[in-house]
Amino acid sequence: MNQAEANAIVASSYWNETEIAEKLYGKDPSLWSSDPSVQADVAAFLGWVDAPLRTRQQLPEILGFVELVKKSGFTDAVVLGMGGSSLSSLMFSQAFPNMGGLKLHVLDSTNPVDVQRIRNSVPLNKTLFIVASKSGTTVEPLAFEEFFYSELLQEMGDNAAQHMVAITDPGSQMETRATERKYRKIFLGEPAVGGRFSVFTVFGMVPAALAGLPVESMLREVCSLFENKDTHGITAGIFLGELAKNGVDKITFANPPEFDGIALWAEQLIAESTGKHGVGTLPLATEPLATPDCYGTDRVFFVVGGKDFDPAIPTQEQAPRLTSKIDSPEYLAKVLYWLEIATATCGAVLGVNPFDQPNVQAAKDIARAELQKIQALSSIPEIKYEIASQDLRLYGSHGNTVGEAVANFIHKAPEGSQIAFLAFLPESEGATGAIQEIRTATTARLKLATSFGYGPRYLHSTGQYHKGGPNNGYYIVLTSEDAADFDIPGMDATFGQLKMAQALGDIGALQSNGRAVIHVHLATTDVVGALHQLAAEMHIAVAP
């Protein structure tokens, strides 16, 4: 499908931009459903629409806090969170670094190597730890909070709490805990704003302000969009929703590396909001770009870059596209709000409630059960893999080697499928590069869309789509041996055990939802070497 054909489909849509704008900006839940019970659920989470107005009123508190932190000698800030609570910070730190504020770090991985990397990269006595969780009970932020609070107690003693900040909803367990411990600051969010729509609340704006971004002018631009009932996002949402209904349901992001965080933030927003009840549109962040002849007919391209960014992607005569040219934090803010509006509109077009996540809790429950098994045994249960070759183990497919079995699994995927690499591995340039090689070869040879996410980050991003969206995914879960491991205070488990429980839990959740899934275990701490071995065995990527 090309741009002209896509425009014709949208032109024939019965959705009217003006009517949508009246309902959306008026927070009318009937836009998404005629069912009173669904409308009640939707209405409870429409606070995001006008949240920027209320956050502007909080700016004196936010900016005053930032000034005090700077005067106190803090140089670094670490956001401890998951999903929307952390990806917005990752986005801001990558897109606009060196803005004169604190150096912003993000931890959203339970892999012990990643936790240790963050621990070693900051000076505790000059670092502010911002634990962000709406409920205050999400397992990952809770584990991060307890670990770093314990580290601070050992080094800072009674002054440890002055290095801790909580961002959470009123009445949460985190608020109670932070109050009892006398954390330096507690910022309270809004229960009527879901996590993935929270970028313009304290969850997004406090870390942005600490990093030195001009949050006052950013919010001013977004408030102007709300006040004028801007329809740019609505137009994009109708476009994406109607294309998805016609089989063009893979949004391929084309962006420079510094905007990867924007694509990852949009990925979690769109995938978790639209991927349910067997429908949805899947954003593909960080997918290596290929030549135009390598893509299937299920692609719509989203170009996100600066004024001079001109990626080599299919022309508009070959495939439909959207474009955003971002040259300032203020324009980024407008794009983020447009994306929220577009996502909500797309949900209406697809006939789903974009503000719930019906398949996420089941995955959490299975992961919790796996963790309880590990806690009872004080070790990870033995897994019976079907194939072993050198440092590779596999469960769920057939072949003479692990690589051959993975290749056989991928080759089963019909046109319109997506191959997902779900990596519970330490995040590194080497590991990412090795998986990108396999993604590139898969797209080039089979014209299949590929997605990639580090676990457990993706569980709070594309995880909902994986279980609730179209059953068009072939999922490859990757795990590895831990180079080091250490206890999570108060949890009777280590980070490595928690990570493996989450991986096994997601495999179980995918299987229970009838998804095609295999498990590849790298039986070594040389993750990069094992990934290159896997690629070589697959014969679809060449190891360097």
Protein backbone atom coordinates (compact mmCIF):
# COMPACT_ATOMS: atom_id res chain seq x y z
CA MET A 1 0.00 0.00 0.00
CA ASN A 2 1.29 3.47 -0.83
CA GLN A 3 0.50 6.90 0.62
CA ALA A 4 -2.23 7.64 -1.93
CA GLU A 5 -4.02 4.35 -1.20
CA ALA A 6 -3.69 4.97 2.54
CA ASN A 7 -5.12 8.46 2.19
CA ALA A 8 -8.07 7.04 0.24
CA ILE A 9 -8.82 4.57 3.03
CA VAL A 10 -8.74 7.34 5.62
CA ALA A 11 -10.92 9.59 3.43
CA SER A 12 -13.58 6.86 3.35
CA SER A 13 -13.57 6.53 7.15
CA TYR A 14 -16.72 7.60 8.96
CA TRP A 15 -14.64 9.07 11.78
CA ASN A 16 -14.86 12.85 11.92
CA GLU A 17 -11.95 14.86 13.35
CA THR A 18 -14.12 17.65 14.76
CA GLU A 19 -16.50 15.25 16.48
CA ILE A 20 -13.59 13.28 17.95
CA ALA A 21 -11.97 16.51 19.19
CA GLU A 22 -15.14 17.57 20.98
CA LYS A 23 -15.43 14.24 22.78
CA LEU A 24 -11.74 13.65 23.44
CA TYR A 25 -10.89 17.10 24.79
CA GLY A 26 -14.20 17.08 26.66
CA LYS A 27 -13.20 13.74 28.24
CA ASP A 28 -16.36 12.04 27.00
CA PRO A 29 -15.93 8.24 27.40
CA SER A 30 -18.61 7.51 24.79
CA LEU A 31 -15.89 8.05 22.16
CA TRP A 32 -14.53 4.60 23.04
CA SER A 33 -17.64 2.58 23.89
CA SER A 34 -21.41 2.63 24.21
CA ASP A 35 -21.23 0.10 27.07
CA PRO A 36 -21.83 1.92 30.41
CA SER A 37 -19.40 -0.35 32.29
CA VAL A 38 -16.62 0.26 29.77
CA GLN A 39 -17.39 3.98 29.79
CA ALA A 40 -16.95 4.00 33.57
CA ASP A 41 -13.56 2.30 33.23
CA VAL A 42 -12.49 4.77 30.52
CA ALA A 43 -13.70 7.82 32.44
CA ALA A 44 -11.52 6.84 35.41
CA PHE A 45 -8.37 7.29 33.28
CA LEU A 46 -9.00 10.42 31.23
CA GLY A 47 -7.06 12.74 33.52
CA TRP A 48 -4.13 12.72 31.07
CA VAL A 49 -6.06 14.88 28.59
CA ASP A 50 -5.76 18.05 30.70
CA ALA A 51 -2.97 16.94 33.05
CA PRO A 52 -0.50 19.47 31.57
CA LEU A 53 -2.66 22.31 32.91
CA ARG A 54 -2.47 20.98 36.45
CA THR A 55 1.24 20.20 36.21
CA ARG A 56 1.91 23.82 35.23
CA GLN A 57 0.42 24.78 38.58
CA GLN A 58 2.93 22.47 40.28
CA LEU A 59 5.93 24.08 38.57
CA PRO A 60 6.89 26.34 41.50
CA GLU A 61 7.17 23.24 43.69
CA ILE A 62 9.06 21.24 41.02
CA LEU A 63 11.48 23.99 40.01
CA GLY A 64 12.06 25.04 43.62
CA PHE A 65 12.98 21.45 44.46
CA VAL A 66 15.41 21.31 41.52
CA GLU A 67 17.19 24.46 42.69
CA LEU A 68 17.58 23.10 46.21
CA VAL A 69 18.96 19.83 44.87
CA LYS A 70 21.56 21.65 42.78
CA LYS A 71 22.58 23.85 45.71
CA SER A 72 22.99 20.73 47.84
CA GLY A 73 25.72 19.47 45.51
CA PHE A 74 23.92 16.65 43.71
CA THR A 75 25.40 15.85 40.30
CA ASP A 76 23.47 12.75 39.22
CA ALA A 77 19.91 11.45 39.36
CA VAL A 78 18.85 7.82 38.85
CA VAL A 79 15.24 7.05 37.95
CA LEU A 80 14.17 3.64 39.26
CA GLY A 81 11.00 2.58 37.47
CA MET A 82 9.32 0.65 34.68
CA GLY A 83 7.24 1.43 31.60
CA GLY A 84 5.99 4.97 31.27
CA SER A 85 7.51 5.87 34.64
CA SER A 86 11.03 5.26 33.31
CA LEU A 87 10.95 5.43 29.51
CA SER A 88 10.08 9.13 29.52
CA SER A 89 13.27 9.78 31.51
CA LEU A 90 15.31 7.60 29.15
CA MET A 91 13.87 9.56 26.23
CA PHE A 92 14.71 12.97 27.72
CA SER A 93 18.24 11.93 28.69
CA GLN A 94 19.00 10.70 25.15
CA ALA A 95 17.23 13.31 23.04
CA PHE A 96 18.48 16.41 24.85
CA PRO A 97 21.52 15.65 27.05
CA ASN A 98 23.81 18.27 28.57
CA MET A 99 21.04 20.76 29.31
CA GLY A 100 22.76 22.09 32.43
CA GLY A 101 20.98 19.92 34.96
CA LEU A 102 21.88 16.71 36.76
CA LYS A 103 23.13 13.77 34.73
CA LEU A 104 20.06 11.56 34.34
CA HIS A 105 20.34 7.75 34.50
CA VAL A 106 17.57 5.16 34.21
CA LEU A 107 17.35 1.66 35.70
CA ASP A 108 14.52 -0.51 34.40
CA SER A 109 16.25 -3.90 34.37
CA THR A 110 16.36 -6.63 37.02
CA ASN A 111 19.43 -8.17 35.42
CA PRO A 112 22.11 -8.05 38.15
CA VAL A 113 24.76 -6.87 35.67
CA ASP A 114 22.61 -3.84 34.79
CA VAL A 115 21.87 -3.08 38.45
CA GLN A 116 25.58 -3.28 39.28
CA ARG A 117 26.46 -1.09 36.28
CA ILE A 118 24.24 1.70 37.58
CA ARG A 119 25.58 1.22 41.11
CA ASN A 120 29.15 1.62 39.87
CA SER A 121 28.46 4.53 37.51
CA VAL A 122 27.35 7.12 40.07
CA PRO A 123 28.83 8.60 43.26
CA LEU A 124 26.32 7.71 45.98
CA ASN A 125 27.09 10.82 48.03
CA LYS A 126 26.14 13.09 45.10
CA THR A 127 23.30 11.06 43.58
CA LEU A 128 19.53 11.41 43.95
CA PHE A 129 17.54 8.19 43.53
CA ILE A 130 14.01 8.72 42.21
CA VAL A 131 11.83 5.67 42.67
CA ALA A 132 8.75 5.97 40.48
CA SER A 133 5.72 3.72 40.73
CA LYS A 134 2.06 4.65 40.66
CA SER A 135 0.92 1.71 42.75
CA GLY A 136 4.05 1.44 44.84
CA THR A 137 3.81 -2.36 44.62
CA THR A 138 5.30 -3.07 41.16
CA VAL A 139 8.00 -5.62 41.84
CA GLU A 140 10.86 -4.06 39.84
CA PRO A 141 10.80 -0.52 41.33
CA LEU A 142 10.31 -2.07 44.77
CA ALA A 143 13.42 -4.24 44.30
CA PHE A 144 15.44 -1.26 43.03
CA GLU A 145 14.25 0.92 45.92
CA GLU A 146 15.22 -1.60 48.58
CA PHE A 147 18.61 -2.30 47.03
CA PHE A 148 19.70 1.31 46.66
CA TYR A 149 18.23 2.41 49.97
CA SER A 150 20.27 -0.37 51.60
CA GLU A 151 23.39 0.76 49.72
CA LEU A 152 22.82 4.34 50.86
CA LEU A 153 22.32 3.27 54.48
CA GLN A 154 25.66 1.47 54.41
CA GLU A 155 27.50 4.47 53.01
CA MET A 156 25.49 7.47 54.23
CA GLY A 157 23.95 6.22 57.46
CA ASP A 158 21.16 8.44 58.78
CA ASN A 159 21.54 10.74 55.77
CA ALA A 160 20.44 8.00 53.34
CA ALA A 161 16.83 9.17 53.11
CA GLN A 162 17.97 12.59 51.89
CA HIS A 163 19.13 10.89 48.69
CA MET A 164 15.73 9.30 48.02
CA VAL A 165 12.72 10.77 46.21
CA ALA A 166 9.39 8.99 45.66
CA ILE A 167 6.97 9.67 42.81
CA THR A 168 3.78 7.73 43.41
CA ASP A 169 0.01 8.02 43.67
CA PRO A 170 -1.70 9.22 46.87
CA GLY A 171 -2.27 6.49 49.45
CA SER A 172 0.13 3.99 47.90
CA GLN A 173 2.40 1.74 49.91
CA MET A 174 5.32 3.70 48.50
CA GLU A 175 3.97 6.95 49.92
CA THR A 176 3.62 5.29 53.34
CA ARG A 177 7.13 3.85 53.16
CA ALA A 178 8.68 7.11 51.95
CA THR A 179 6.92 9.04 54.71
CA GLU A 180 8.10 6.62 57.41
CA ARG A 181 11.68 6.71 56.14
CA LYS A 182 11.55 10.50 55.68
CA TYR A 183 12.62 10.60 52.05
CA ARG A 184 13.87 13.95 50.84
CA LYS A 185 10.73 14.53 48.76
CA ILE A 186 7.46 12.84 47.81
CA PHE A 187 5.73 13.92 44.61
CA LEU A 188 2.16 12.66 44.26
CA GLY A 189 0.75 11.71 40.87
CA GLU A 190 -2.82 11.52 39.67
CA PRO A 191 -4.82 8.27 39.96
CA ALA A 192 -6.84 9.34 36.90
CA VAL A 193 -3.70 9.20 34.70
CA GLY A 194 -2.35 5.81 33.68
CA GLY A 195 1.38 5.20 33.72
CA ARG A 196 1.93 5.20 29.96
CA PHE A 197 0.06 8.53 29.63
CA SER A 198 1.92 10.15 32.56
CA VAL A 199 4.72 12.03 30.77
CA PHE A 200 3.13 15.43 31.48
CA THR A 201 2.61 14.69 35.17
CA VAL A 202 5.25 14.64 37.90
CA PHE A 203 6.37 11.20 36.64
CA GLY A 204 7.80 12.78 33.49
CA MET A 205 8.30 16.42 34.39
CA VAL A 206 10.27 16.03 37.65
CA PRO A 207 13.09 13.98 36.03
CA ALA A 208 13.00 16.29 32.98
CA ALA A 209 13.38 19.35 35.21
CA LEU A 210 16.24 17.73 37.13
CA ALA A 211 17.98 17.09 33.79
CA GLY A 212 17.69 20.78 32.93
CA LEU A 213 15.00 20.61 30.26
CA PRO A 214 12.81 23.75 29.92
CA VAL A 215 9.69 22.15 31.39
CA GLU A 216 7.89 25.49 31.78
CA SER A 217 7.97 26.27 28.04
CA MET A 218 7.35 22.60 27.18
CA LEU A 219 4.16 22.57 29.21
CA ARG A 220 3.11 25.92 27.80
CA GLU A 221 3.26 24.50 24.27
CA VAL A 222 1.25 21.42 25.22
CA CYS A 223 -1.38 23.42 27.10
CA SER A 224 -1.86 25.49 23.96
CA LEU A 225 -2.64 22.32 22.00
CA PHE A 226 -5.28 21.35 24.57
CA GLU A 227 -6.84 24.79 24.73
CA ASN A 228 -7.13 24.98 20.92
CA LYS A 229 -8.42 21.40 20.60
CA ASP A 230 -5.62 20.64 18.16
CA THR A 231 -6.45 17.89 15.63
CA HIS A 232 -2.97 16.86 14.43
CA GLY A 233 -2.91 13.86 16.76
CA ILE A 234 -6.48 12.95 15.90
CA THR A 235 -5.66 12.89 12.19
CA ALA A 236 -2.69 10.61 12.85
CA GLY A 237 -4.78 8.33 15.08
CA ILE A 238 -7.47 7.86 12.43
CA PHE A 239 -4.73 7.21 9.87
CA LEU A 240 -3.04 4.51 12.00
CA GLY A 241 -6.29 2.91 13.11
CA GLU A 242 -7.78 2.63 9.62
CA LEU A 243 -4.51 1.27 8.22
CA ALA A 244 -4.35 -1.36 10.97
CA LYS A 245 -7.87 -2.48 10.11
CA ASN A 246 -6.63 -2.99 6.55
CA GLY A 247 -3.59 -5.08 7.51
CA VAL A 248 -1.03 -2.25 7.62
CA ASP A 249 -0.39 -2.68 11.33
CA LYS A 250 3.40 -2.37 11.81
CA ILE A 251 4.58 1.19 12.60
CA THR A 252 8.25 1.24 11.67
CA PHE A 253 10.16 4.06 13.38
CA ALA A 254 12.94 5.70 11.38
CA ASN A 255 15.04 7.95 13.59
CA PRO A 256 18.64 8.89 14.44
CA PRO A 257 20.19 7.03 17.43
CA GLU A 258 19.67 9.93 19.84
CA PHE A 259 15.91 9.60 19.26
CA ASP A 260 15.76 5.87 20.03
CA GLY A 261 14.30 6.79 23.42
CA ILE A 262 11.43 8.62 21.72
CA ALA A 263 10.66 5.51 19.67
CA LEU A 264 10.83 3.29 22.77
CA TRP A 265 8.48 5.62 24.65
CA ALA A 266 6.03 5.65 21.71
CA GLU A 267 6.33 1.87 21.43
CA GLN A 268 5.10 1.29 24.99
CA LEU A 269 2.36 3.90 24.62
CA ILE A 270 0.89 2.56 21.39
CA ALA A 271 1.44 -1.19 21.85
CA GLU A 272 0.06 -1.42 25.38
CA SER A 273 -2.88 0.84 24.53
CA THR A 274 -4.06 -0.78 21.28
CA GLY A 275 -2.91 -4.42 21.52
CA LYS A 276 -5.86 -6.27 23.04
CA HIS A 277 -8.90 -8.39 22.14
CA GLY A 278 -7.09 -9.70 19.07
CA VAL A 279 -6.47 -6.32 17.42
CA GLY A 280 -3.83 -3.62 17.63
CA THR A 281 -1.06 -1.79 15.85
CA LEU A 282 2.55 -2.63 16.66
CA PRO A 283 5.27 0.05 16.80
CA LEU A 284 8.74 -1.22 15.89
CA ALA A 285 11.41 0.76 17.71
CA THR A 286 15.12 0.42 16.87
CA GLU A 287 14.52 -1.91 13.91
CA PRO A 288 17.50 -1.64 11.52
CA LEU A 289 16.41 0.05 8.31
CA ALA A 290 16.58 -2.04 5.15
CA THR A 291 16.28 -1.38 1.44
CA PRO A 292 12.73 -0.73 0.20
CA ASP A 293 12.38 -4.17 -1.41
CA CYS A 294 12.88 -5.89 1.98
CA TYR A 295 9.57 -4.76 3.46
CA GLY A 296 6.17 -6.44 3.34
CA THR A 297 2.87 -4.69 2.72
CA ASP A 298 2.11 -4.43 6.45
CA ARG A 299 4.33 -1.36 7.02
CA VAL A 300 3.62 2.27 7.77
CA PHE A 301 6.71 4.37 8.45
CA PHE A 302 7.07 7.03 11.12
CA VAL A 303 10.03 9.35 10.57
CA VAL A 304 11.14 11.05 13.79
CA GLY A 305 14.21 13.22 13.40
CA GLY A 306 15.73 16.67 13.15
CA LYS A 307 15.42 19.02 10.21
CA ASP A 308 18.27 17.40 8.28
CA PHE A 309 17.38 13.77 8.98
CA ASP A 310 16.60 11.95 5.71
CA PRO A 311 16.51 8.16 6.17
CA ALA A 312 16.66 5.73 3.28
CA ILE A 313 13.17 4.27 3.57
CA PRO A 314 10.51 3.44 0.98
CA THR A 315 9.12 6.48 -0.80
CA GLN A 316 5.54 7.61 -0.29
CA GLU A 317 4.76 6.02 -3.66
CA GLN A 318 5.82 2.70 -2.08
CA ALA A 319 4.53 2.90 1.51
CA PRO A 320 2.56 5.29 3.75
CA ARG A 321 4.35 7.42 6.31
CA LEU A 322 4.07 10.03 9.06
CA THR A 323 6.81 12.57 9.78
CA SER A 324 7.83 14.68 12.79
CA LYS A 325 10.82 17.01 12.65
CA ILE A 326 11.98 17.65 16.24
CA ASP A 327 14.47 20.46 16.81
CA SER A 328 13.78 21.53 20.41
CA PRO A 329 12.47 20.19 23.73
CA GLU A 330 9.35 22.28 23.20
CA TYR A 331 8.59 20.66 19.86
CA LEU A 332 9.31 17.24 21.36
CA ALA A 333 6.67 17.98 23.99
CA LYS A 334 4.13 18.75 21.26
CA VAL A 335 4.97 15.49 19.47
CA LEU A 336 4.51 13.51 22.70
CA TYR A 337 1.09 15.02 23.29
CA TRP A 338 0.13 14.40 19.66
CA LEU A 339 1.18 10.77 20.14
CA GLU A 340 -1.02 10.46 23.24
CA ILE A 341 -3.95 11.92 21.30
CA ALA A 342 -3.20 9.70 18.30
CA THR A 343 -3.03 6.59 20.46
CA ALA A 344 -6.33 7.34 22.18
CA THR A 345 -7.94 8.04 18.78
CA CYS A 346 -6.50 4.86 17.27
CA GLY A 347 -8.04 2.92 20.15
CA ALA A 348 -11.44 4.38 19.32
CA VAL A 349 -11.08 3.46 15.64
CA LEU A 350 -10.07 -0.11 16.57
CA GLY A 351 -12.88 -0.42 19.11
CA VAL A 352 -10.72 -1.01 22.20
CA ASN A 353 -10.29 0.71 25.55
CA PRO A 354 -6.79 2.20 25.23
CA PHE A 355 -6.47 2.78 28.97
CA ASP A 356 -6.54 -0.78 30.34
CA GLN A 357 -4.10 -3.70 30.09
CA PRO A 358 -6.16 -6.89 30.50
CA ASN A 359 -3.33 -9.35 29.78
CA VAL A 360 -0.60 -7.78 31.92
CA GLN A 361 -1.79 -9.03 35.32
CA ALA A 362 -1.88 -12.66 34.18
CA ALA A 363 1.79 -12.46 33.20
CA LYS A 364 2.63 -10.90 36.58
CA ASP A 365 0.76 -13.69 38.38
CA ILE A 366 2.68 -16.41 36.50
CA ALA A 367 6.00 -14.64 37.19
CA ARG A 368 5.09 -14.37 40.88
CA ALA A 369 4.37 -18.12 40.97
CA GLU A 370 7.74 -18.84 39.33
CA LEU A 371 9.46 -16.61 41.88
CA GLN A 372 7.74 -18.42 44.74
CA LYS A 373 9.09 -21.73 43.39
CA ILE A 374 12.59 -20.26 43.33
CA GLN A 375 12.22 -18.83 46.83
CA ALA A 376 11.08 -22.21 48.14
CA LEU A 377 14.06 -24.00 46.56
CA SER A 378 16.55 -21.15 47.11
CA SER A 379 17.60 -21.74 43.50
CA ILE A 380 16.29 -21.72 39.93
CA PRO A 381 14.57 -25.05 39.08
CA GLU A 382 16.30 -27.21 36.51
CA ILE A 383 14.97 -26.56 33.01
CA LYS A 384 14.89 -29.49 30.59
CA TYR A 385 16.03 -28.13 27.26
CA GLU A 386 15.46 -30.14 24.08
CA ILE A 387 18.64 -29.15 22.20
CA ALA A 388 22.13 -28.22 23.32
CA SER A 389 24.97 -27.02 21.11
CA GLN A 390 28.13 -25.60 22.67
CA ASP A 391 26.96 -22.71 24.90
CA LEU A 392 23.38 -22.70 23.61
CA ARG A 393 20.25 -24.43 24.95
CA LEU A 394 16.77 -24.43 23.45
CA TYR A 395 13.23 -25.41 24.30
CA GLY A 396 10.31 -25.30 21.88
CA SER A 397 11.58 -26.03 18.35
CA HIS A 398 13.44 -28.70 16.38
CA GLY A 399 16.76 -28.92 14.56
CA ASN A 400 20.23 -30.39 14.72
CA THR A 401 21.58 -27.31 16.48
CA VAL A 402 20.01 -24.52 18.47
CA GLY A 403 20.60 -22.08 15.64
CA GLU A 404 19.00 -24.38 13.11
CA ALA A 405 15.98 -24.82 15.40
CA VAL A 406 15.60 -21.04 15.76
CA ALA A 407 15.86 -20.63 11.97
CA ASN A 408 13.23 -23.34 11.48
CA PHE A 409 10.97 -21.55 13.96
CA ILE A 410 11.33 -18.21 12.17
CA HIS A 411 10.74 -19.76 8.73
CA LYS A 412 7.33 -20.98 9.89
CA ALA A 413 6.15 -17.38 10.14
CA PRO A 414 3.79 -16.39 7.30
CA GLU A 415 3.61 -12.99 5.63
CA GLY A 416 2.38 -10.29 8.00
CA SER A 417 3.99 -11.88 11.05
CA GLN A 418 6.48 -10.30 13.42
CA ILE A 419 9.54 -11.99 14.93
CA ALA A 420 10.12 -10.77 18.48
CA PHE A 421 13.46 -11.09 20.28
CA LEU A 422 12.78 -10.81 24.02
CA ALA A 423 16.13 -10.57 25.75
CA PHE A 424 16.54 -11.09 29.48
CA LEU A 425 20.21 -10.31 28.98
CA PRO A 426 22.57 -7.62 30.30
CA GLU A 427 22.07 -4.55 28.13
CA SER A 428 25.19 -3.70 26.13
CA GLU A 429 26.23 -2.38 22.75
CA GLY A 430 27.65 -5.80 21.90
CA ALA A 431 24.47 -7.73 22.75
CA THR A 432 22.28 -5.18 20.99
CA GLY A 433 24.50 -5.24 17.91
CA ALA A 434 24.44 -9.03 17.69
CA ILE A 435 20.64 -9.16 17.87
CA GLN A 436 20.40 -6.33 15.35
CA GLU A 437 22.44 -8.43 12.91
CA ILE A 438 19.88 -11.22 13.19
CA ARG A 439 17.00 -8.77 12.80
CA THR A 440 18.60 -7.28 9.69
CA ALA A 441 19.03 -10.69 8.07
CA THR A 442 15.49 -11.75 8.98
CA THR A 443 13.99 -8.68 7.33
CA ALA A 444 16.24 -8.92 4.27
CA ARG A 445 15.61 -12.60 3.60
CA LEU A 446 12.02 -13.08 4.71
CA LYS A 447 10.52 -9.57 4.53
CA LEU A 448 9.26 -10.00 8.10
CA ALA A 449 8.90 -7.29 10.73
CA THR A 450 11.11 -7.74 13.78
CA SER A 451 10.80 -6.33 17.27
CA PHE A 452 13.34 -6.40 20.08
CA GLY A 453 13.11 -5.58 23.75
CA TYR A 454 15.21 -6.10 26.84
CA GLY A 455 13.37 -7.82 29.66
CA PRO A 456 11.71 -6.94 31.89
CA ARG A 457 11.37 -3.54 30.16
CA TYR A 458 9.29 -4.95 27.31
CA LEU A 459 6.84 -6.56 29.75
CA HIS A 460 5.65 -3.03 30.56
CA SER A 461 5.73 -2.00 26.90
CA THR A 462 4.92 -4.43 24.10
CA GLY A 463 4.06 -7.23 26.56
CA GLN A 464 0.33 -6.44 26.46
CA TYR A 465 0.30 -6.55 22.65
CA HIS A 466 2.18 -9.86 22.67
CA LYS A 467 -0.54 -11.57 24.67
CA GLY A 468 -3.65 -9.61 23.71
CA GLY A 469 -3.03 -8.27 20.21
CA PRO A 470 -3.23 -10.13 16.89
CA ASN A 471 -1.83 -13.65 17.09
CA ASN A 472 0.84 -12.90 14.50
CA GLY A 473 3.98 -13.09 16.64
CA TYR A 474 6.81 -15.60 16.82
CA TYR A 475 8.52 -15.00 20.16
CA ILE A 476 12.13 -15.88 20.98
CA VAL A 477 12.89 -15.45 24.70
CA LEU A 478 16.62 -15.20 25.44
CA THR A 479 18.20 -15.77 28.86
CA SER A 480 21.79 -16.20 30.04
CA GLU A 481 23.95 -17.15 32.97
CA ASP A 482 24.66 -14.31 35.42
CA ALA A 483 28.22 -13.02 35.65
CA ALA A 484 27.40 -11.88 39.19
CA ASP A 485 24.34 -11.93 41.40
CA PHE A 486 23.28 -10.45 44.72
CA ASP A 487 20.37 -10.39 47.12
CA ILE A 488 17.37 -8.08 46.97
CA PRO A 489 16.91 -6.84 50.56
CA GLY A 490 13.69 -8.13 52.10
CA MET A 491 12.63 -10.21 49.09
CA ASP A 492 14.27 -13.57 49.86
CA ALA A 493 15.57 -13.73 46.29
CA THR A 494 18.41 -12.44 44.16
CA PHE A 495 18.14 -10.16 41.14
CA GLY A 496 19.18 -13.05 38.90
CA GLN A 497 16.40 -15.23 40.31
CA LEU A 498 13.82 -12.48 39.87
CA LYS A 499 14.95 -11.94 36.28
CA MET A 500 14.65 -15.64 35.46
CA ALA A 501 11.22 -15.83 37.15
CA GLN A 502 10.05 -12.99 34.92
CA ALA A 503 11.41 -14.70 31.80
CA LEU A 504 9.79 -18.04 32.64
CA GLY A 505 6.61 -16.24 33.65
CA ASP A 506 6.35 -14.52 30.29
CA ILE A 507 6.98 -17.77 28.43
CA GLY A 508 4.10 -19.29 30.40
CA ALA A 509 1.84 -16.30 29.71
CA LEU A 510 2.59 -16.42 25.98
CA GLN A 511 1.88 -20.14 25.88
CA SER A 512 -1.39 -19.74 27.80
CA ASN A 513 -2.50 -17.21 25.19
CA GLY A 514 -1.74 -19.58 22.31
CA ARG A 515 1.34 -17.73 21.11
CA ALA A 516 4.28 -19.35 19.30
CA VAL A 517 7.26 -19.11 21.65
CA ILE A 518 10.68 -20.72 22.11
CA HIS A 519 13.26 -20.29 24.87
CA VAL A 520 16.96 -19.93 24.05
CA HIS A 521 19.34 -20.02 27.01
CA LEU A 522 22.93 -18.84 26.66
CA ALA A 523 24.73 -21.21 29.04
CA THR A 524 27.61 -18.80 29.53
CA THR A 525 28.38 -15.32 30.80
CA ASP A 526 29.91 -14.47 27.40
CA VAL A 527 26.59 -13.19 26.09
CA VAL A 528 27.95 -11.49 22.98
CA GLY A 529 30.01 -14.51 21.95
CA ALA A 530 27.03 -16.82 22.41
CA LEU A 531 24.77 -14.53 20.36
CA HIS A 532 27.28 -14.54 17.50
CA GLN A 533 27.42 -18.32 17.77
CA LEU A 534 23.62 -18.41 17.52
CA ALA A 535 23.68 -16.15 14.46
CA ALA A 536 26.32 -18.30 12.78
CA GLU A 537 24.32 -21.47 13.43
CA MET A 538 21.19 -19.86 12.04
CA HIS A 539 22.94 -19.13 8.72
CA ILE A 540 20.99 -15.89 8.41
CA ALA A 541 23.61 -13.60 9.94
CA VAL A 542 27.39 -13.60 9.65
CA ALA A 543 29.40 -13.35 12.85
CA PRO A 544 32.32 -10.90 12.66
